[in-house]
Amino acid sequence: MQTEQLQWSPGAGWQADVASLADAQLVLIFGGTDQLDGTRFAELRSRYPHAILFGCSSAGEILDVNVSDDTVTATAIRFAG
């Protein structure tokens, strides 16, 4: 299994920790209700065209050991096999 985490913020846009897993099979998305709009989903769909996008609103988004508000955090997963 391989993973990639990204975080979107109003000031910086999408920031990723590694190269894109364009062939990811699943993307878990968490974000504030104001940030979870069609634009964020379209951007993730473009980056991960074959993945199932699954997400929900949250009261704080976790990336690594940091917790942020008013952002969107996505974890893309490519399963082995």
N, C-alpha and C. Protein backbone atom coordinates (compact mmCIF):
# COMPACT_ATOMS: atom_id res chain seq x y z
N MET A 1 0.85 -1.18 0.00
CA MET A 1 0.00 0.00 0.00
C MET A 1 0.90 1.24 0.00
N GLN A 2 0.51 2.23 -0.80
CA GLN A 2 1.19 3.51 -0.82
C GLN A 2 0.17 4.61 -0.54
N THR A 3 0.62 5.66 0.11
CA THR A 3 -0.27 6.78 0.42
C THR A 3 0.38 8.10 0.06
N GLU A 4 -0.46 9.08 -0.12
CA GLU A 4 -0.02 10.45 -0.35
C GLU A 4 -1.00 11.35 0.37
N GLN A 5 -0.49 12.34 1.09
CA GLN A 5 -1.37 13.30 1.75
C GLN A 5 -1.20 14.67 1.13
N LEU A 6 -2.33 15.35 1.00
CA LEU A 6 -2.35 16.71 0.49
C LEU A 6 -3.19 17.56 1.43
N GLN A 7 -2.90 18.85 1.42
CA GLN A 7 -3.75 19.76 2.17
C GLN A 7 -3.99 21.01 1.33
N TRP A 8 -5.24 21.45 1.30
CA TRP A 8 -5.61 22.68 0.60
C TRP A 8 -5.94 23.74 1.64
N SER A 9 -5.43 24.94 1.41
CA SER A 9 -5.80 26.08 2.24
C SER A 9 -6.08 27.26 1.31
N PRO A 10 -6.89 28.21 1.77
CA PRO A 10 -7.24 29.33 0.90
C PRO A 10 -6.02 30.12 0.40
N GLY A 11 -5.00 30.23 1.21
CA GLY A 11 -3.83 31.02 0.82
C GLY A 11 -2.82 30.29 -0.03
N ALA A 12 -2.71 28.97 0.13
CA ALA A 12 -1.65 28.22 -0.54
C ALA A 12 -2.14 27.25 -1.61
N GLY A 13 -3.43 26.97 -1.66
CA GLY A 13 -3.92 25.96 -2.59
C GLY A 13 -3.51 24.57 -2.11
N TRP A 14 -3.36 23.63 -3.04
CA TRP A 14 -2.98 22.26 -2.68
C TRP A 14 -1.49 22.15 -2.47
N GLN A 15 -1.10 21.52 -1.37
CA GLN A 15 0.29 21.23 -1.05
C GLN A 15 0.39 19.72 -0.81
N ALA A 16 1.33 19.05 -1.50
CA ALA A 16 1.48 17.60 -1.36
C ALA A 16 2.82 17.27 -0.73
N ASP A 17 2.88 16.10 -0.06
CA ASP A 17 4.13 15.69 0.59
C ASP A 17 5.01 14.83 -0.30
N VAL A 18 4.47 14.26 -1.38
CA VAL A 18 5.24 13.42 -2.31
C VAL A 18 4.68 13.59 -3.73
N ALA A 19 5.32 12.91 -4.67
CA ALA A 19 4.83 12.93 -6.05
C ALA A 19 3.43 12.31 -6.11
N SER A 20 2.69 12.68 -7.10
CA SER A 20 1.31 12.25 -7.22
C SER A 20 1.15 10.75 -7.44
N LEU A 21 0.22 10.16 -6.71
CA LEU A 21 -0.19 8.77 -6.93
C LEU A 21 -1.39 8.81 -7.87
N ALA A 22 -1.15 9.13 -9.13
CA ALA A 22 -2.23 9.32 -10.09
C ALA A 22 -3.11 8.09 -10.23
N ASP A 23 -2.56 6.92 -9.91
CA ASP A 23 -3.34 5.68 -10.02
C ASP A 23 -3.92 5.23 -8.69
N ALA A 24 -4.08 6.18 -7.76
CA ALA A 24 -4.69 5.86 -6.47
C ALA A 24 -6.09 5.30 -6.69
N GLN A 25 -6.49 4.41 -5.79
CA GLN A 25 -7.80 3.77 -5.90
C GLN A 25 -8.84 4.38 -4.97
N LEU A 26 -8.39 5.05 -3.91
CA LEU A 26 -9.28 5.62 -2.91
C LEU A 26 -8.68 6.93 -2.41
N VAL A 27 -9.53 7.94 -2.26
CA VAL A 27 -9.09 9.21 -1.67
C VAL A 27 -10.06 9.56 -0.55
N LEU A 28 -9.52 9.70 0.66
CA LEU A 28 -10.30 10.08 1.84
C LEU A 28 -10.15 11.58 2.02
N ILE A 29 -11.26 12.30 2.13
CA ILE A 29 -11.25 13.76 2.14
C ILE A 29 -11.96 14.26 3.40
N PHE A 30 -11.31 15.20 4.10
CA PHE A 30 -11.90 15.80 5.29
C PHE A 30 -11.68 17.30 5.21
N GLY A 31 -12.71 18.07 5.56
CA GLY A 31 -12.55 19.51 5.50
C GLY A 31 -13.69 20.26 6.16
N GLY A 32 -13.46 21.53 6.33
CA GLY A 32 -14.50 22.41 6.84
C GLY A 32 -15.63 22.55 5.83
N THR A 33 -16.84 22.76 6.30
CA THR A 33 -17.99 22.80 5.39
C THR A 33 -17.87 23.91 4.35
N ASP A 34 -17.27 25.02 4.69
CA ASP A 34 -17.11 26.11 3.73
C ASP A 34 -16.09 25.78 2.64
N GLN A 35 -15.16 24.89 2.92
CA GLN A 35 -14.12 24.54 1.96
C GLN A 35 -14.48 23.34 1.09
N LEU A 36 -15.41 22.51 1.55
CA LEU A 36 -15.81 21.32 0.78
C LEU A 36 -16.84 21.71 -0.26
N ASP A 37 -16.37 22.20 -1.37
CA ASP A 37 -17.28 22.58 -2.44
C ASP A 37 -16.93 21.79 -3.70
N GLY A 38 -17.69 21.99 -4.75
CA GLY A 38 -17.47 21.27 -5.99
C GLY A 38 -16.09 21.50 -6.58
N THR A 39 -15.51 22.65 -6.33
CA THR A 39 -14.19 22.96 -6.88
C THR A 39 -13.13 22.03 -6.30
N ARG A 40 -13.13 21.83 -4.99
CA ARG A 40 -12.13 20.94 -4.37
C ARG A 40 -12.27 19.51 -4.91
N PHE A 41 -13.52 19.04 -5.02
CA PHE A 41 -13.74 17.69 -5.52
C PHE A 41 -13.29 17.56 -6.98
N ALA A 42 -13.55 18.59 -7.79
CA ALA A 42 -13.12 18.56 -9.20
C ALA A 42 -11.60 18.53 -9.30
N GLU A 43 -10.93 19.29 -8.44
CA GLU A 43 -9.46 19.29 -8.45
C GLU A 43 -8.92 17.91 -8.07
N LEU A 44 -9.52 17.29 -7.07
CA LEU A 44 -9.07 15.94 -6.67
C LEU A 44 -9.41 14.91 -7.74
N ARG A 45 -10.56 15.04 -8.37
CA ARG A 45 -10.93 14.12 -9.46
C ARG A 45 -9.93 14.22 -10.60
N SER A 46 -9.47 15.43 -10.89
CA SER A 46 -8.48 15.62 -11.94
C SER A 46 -7.14 14.98 -11.58
N ARG A 47 -6.75 15.09 -10.32
CA ARG A 47 -5.47 14.53 -9.86
C ARG A 47 -5.53 13.01 -9.75
N TYR A 48 -6.69 12.47 -9.36
CA TYR A 48 -6.88 11.03 -9.15
C TYR A 48 -8.08 10.56 -9.97
N PRO A 49 -7.93 10.43 -11.28
CA PRO A 49 -9.09 10.18 -12.15
C PRO A 49 -9.79 8.84 -11.95
N HIS A 50 -9.12 7.85 -11.39
CA HIS A 50 -9.72 6.52 -11.26
C HIS A 50 -10.10 6.17 -9.82
N ALA A 51 -9.90 7.09 -8.90
CA ALA A 51 -10.13 6.80 -7.48
C ALA A 51 -11.58 7.04 -7.08
N ILE A 52 -12.00 6.31 -6.07
CA ILE A 52 -13.25 6.60 -5.38
C ILE A 52 -12.94 7.74 -4.42
N LEU A 53 -13.71 8.82 -4.50
CA LEU A 53 -13.55 9.95 -3.58
C LEU A 53 -14.57 9.80 -2.47
N PHE A 54 -14.11 9.82 -1.23
CA PHE A 54 -14.99 9.62 -0.09
C PHE A 54 -14.59 10.60 0.98
N GLY A 55 -15.55 11.38 1.48
CA GLY A 55 -15.18 12.36 2.48
C GLY A 55 -16.34 12.87 3.31
N CYS A 56 -16.00 13.73 4.25
CA CYS A 56 -17.00 14.33 5.11
C CYS A 56 -16.45 15.62 5.71
N SER A 57 -17.34 16.39 6.30
CA SER A 57 -16.91 17.62 6.97
C SER A 57 -16.30 17.27 8.31
N SER A 58 -15.47 18.19 8.80
CA SER A 58 -14.79 17.95 10.07
C SER A 58 -14.64 19.26 10.82
N ALA A 59 -14.30 19.13 12.09
CA ALA A 59 -14.07 20.31 12.92
C ALA A 59 -12.59 20.60 13.07
N GLY A 60 -11.75 19.89 12.34
CA GLY A 60 -10.30 20.07 12.35
C GLY A 60 -9.70 18.99 11.47
N GLU A 61 -8.79 19.38 10.60
CA GLU A 61 -8.21 18.45 9.65
C GLU A 61 -6.80 18.07 10.10
N ILE A 62 -6.50 16.78 10.08
CA ILE A 62 -5.21 16.27 10.55
C ILE A 62 -4.34 15.94 9.36
N LEU A 63 -3.12 16.45 9.36
CA LEU A 63 -2.10 16.12 8.37
C LEU A 63 -0.81 15.88 9.13
N ASP A 64 -0.34 14.62 9.07
CA ASP A 64 0.85 14.22 9.83
C ASP A 64 0.54 14.41 11.32
N VAL A 65 1.23 15.33 12.00
CA VAL A 65 0.97 15.55 13.43
C VAL A 65 0.31 16.91 13.69
N ASN A 66 -0.13 17.57 12.61
CA ASN A 66 -0.72 18.90 12.73
C ASN A 66 -2.23 18.87 12.54
N VAL A 67 -2.92 19.72 13.29
CA VAL A 67 -4.37 19.88 13.15
C VAL A 67 -4.64 21.30 12.67
N SER A 68 -5.43 21.42 11.61
CA SER A 68 -5.73 22.73 11.02
C SER A 68 -7.24 22.93 10.93
N ASP A 69 -7.65 24.18 10.85
CA ASP A 69 -9.05 24.53 10.62
C ASP A 69 -9.16 25.23 9.28
N ASP A 70 -10.34 25.15 8.69
CA ASP A 70 -10.63 25.85 7.43
C ASP A 70 -9.73 25.41 6.29
N THR A 71 -9.42 24.12 6.24
CA THR A 71 -8.62 23.54 5.17
C THR A 71 -9.34 22.29 4.65
N VAL A 72 -8.76 21.66 3.66
CA VAL A 72 -9.20 20.36 3.19
C VAL A 72 -7.98 19.45 3.18
N THR A 73 -8.10 18.29 3.80
CA THR A 73 -7.01 17.32 3.81
C THR A 73 -7.47 16.07 3.05
N ALA A 74 -6.60 15.57 2.19
CA ALA A 74 -6.93 14.38 1.39
C ALA A 74 -5.80 13.37 1.53
N THR A 75 -6.18 12.11 1.69
CA THR A 75 -5.21 11.02 1.71
C THR A 75 -5.56 10.08 0.57
N ALA A 76 -4.66 10.00 -0.40
CA ALA A 76 -4.83 9.11 -1.54
C ALA A 76 -4.16 7.76 -1.21
N ILE A 77 -4.83 6.68 -1.59
CA ILE A 77 -4.33 5.34 -1.27
C ILE A 77 -4.31 4.49 -2.53
N ARG A 78 -3.16 3.83 -2.74
CA ARG A 78 -3.03 2.83 -3.80
C ARG A 78 -2.73 1.51 -3.10
N PHE A 79 -3.61 0.54 -3.26
CA PHE A 79 -3.46 -0.76 -2.61
C PHE A 79 -2.55 -1.65 -3.44
N ALA A 80 -1.82 -2.51 -2.76
CA ALA A 80 -0.93 -3.46 -3.44
C ALA A 80 -1.75 -4.52 -4.16
N GLY A 81 -1.16 -5.04 -5.22
CA GLY A 81 -1.79 -6.18 -5.88
C GLY A 81 -2.36 -5.82 -7.14
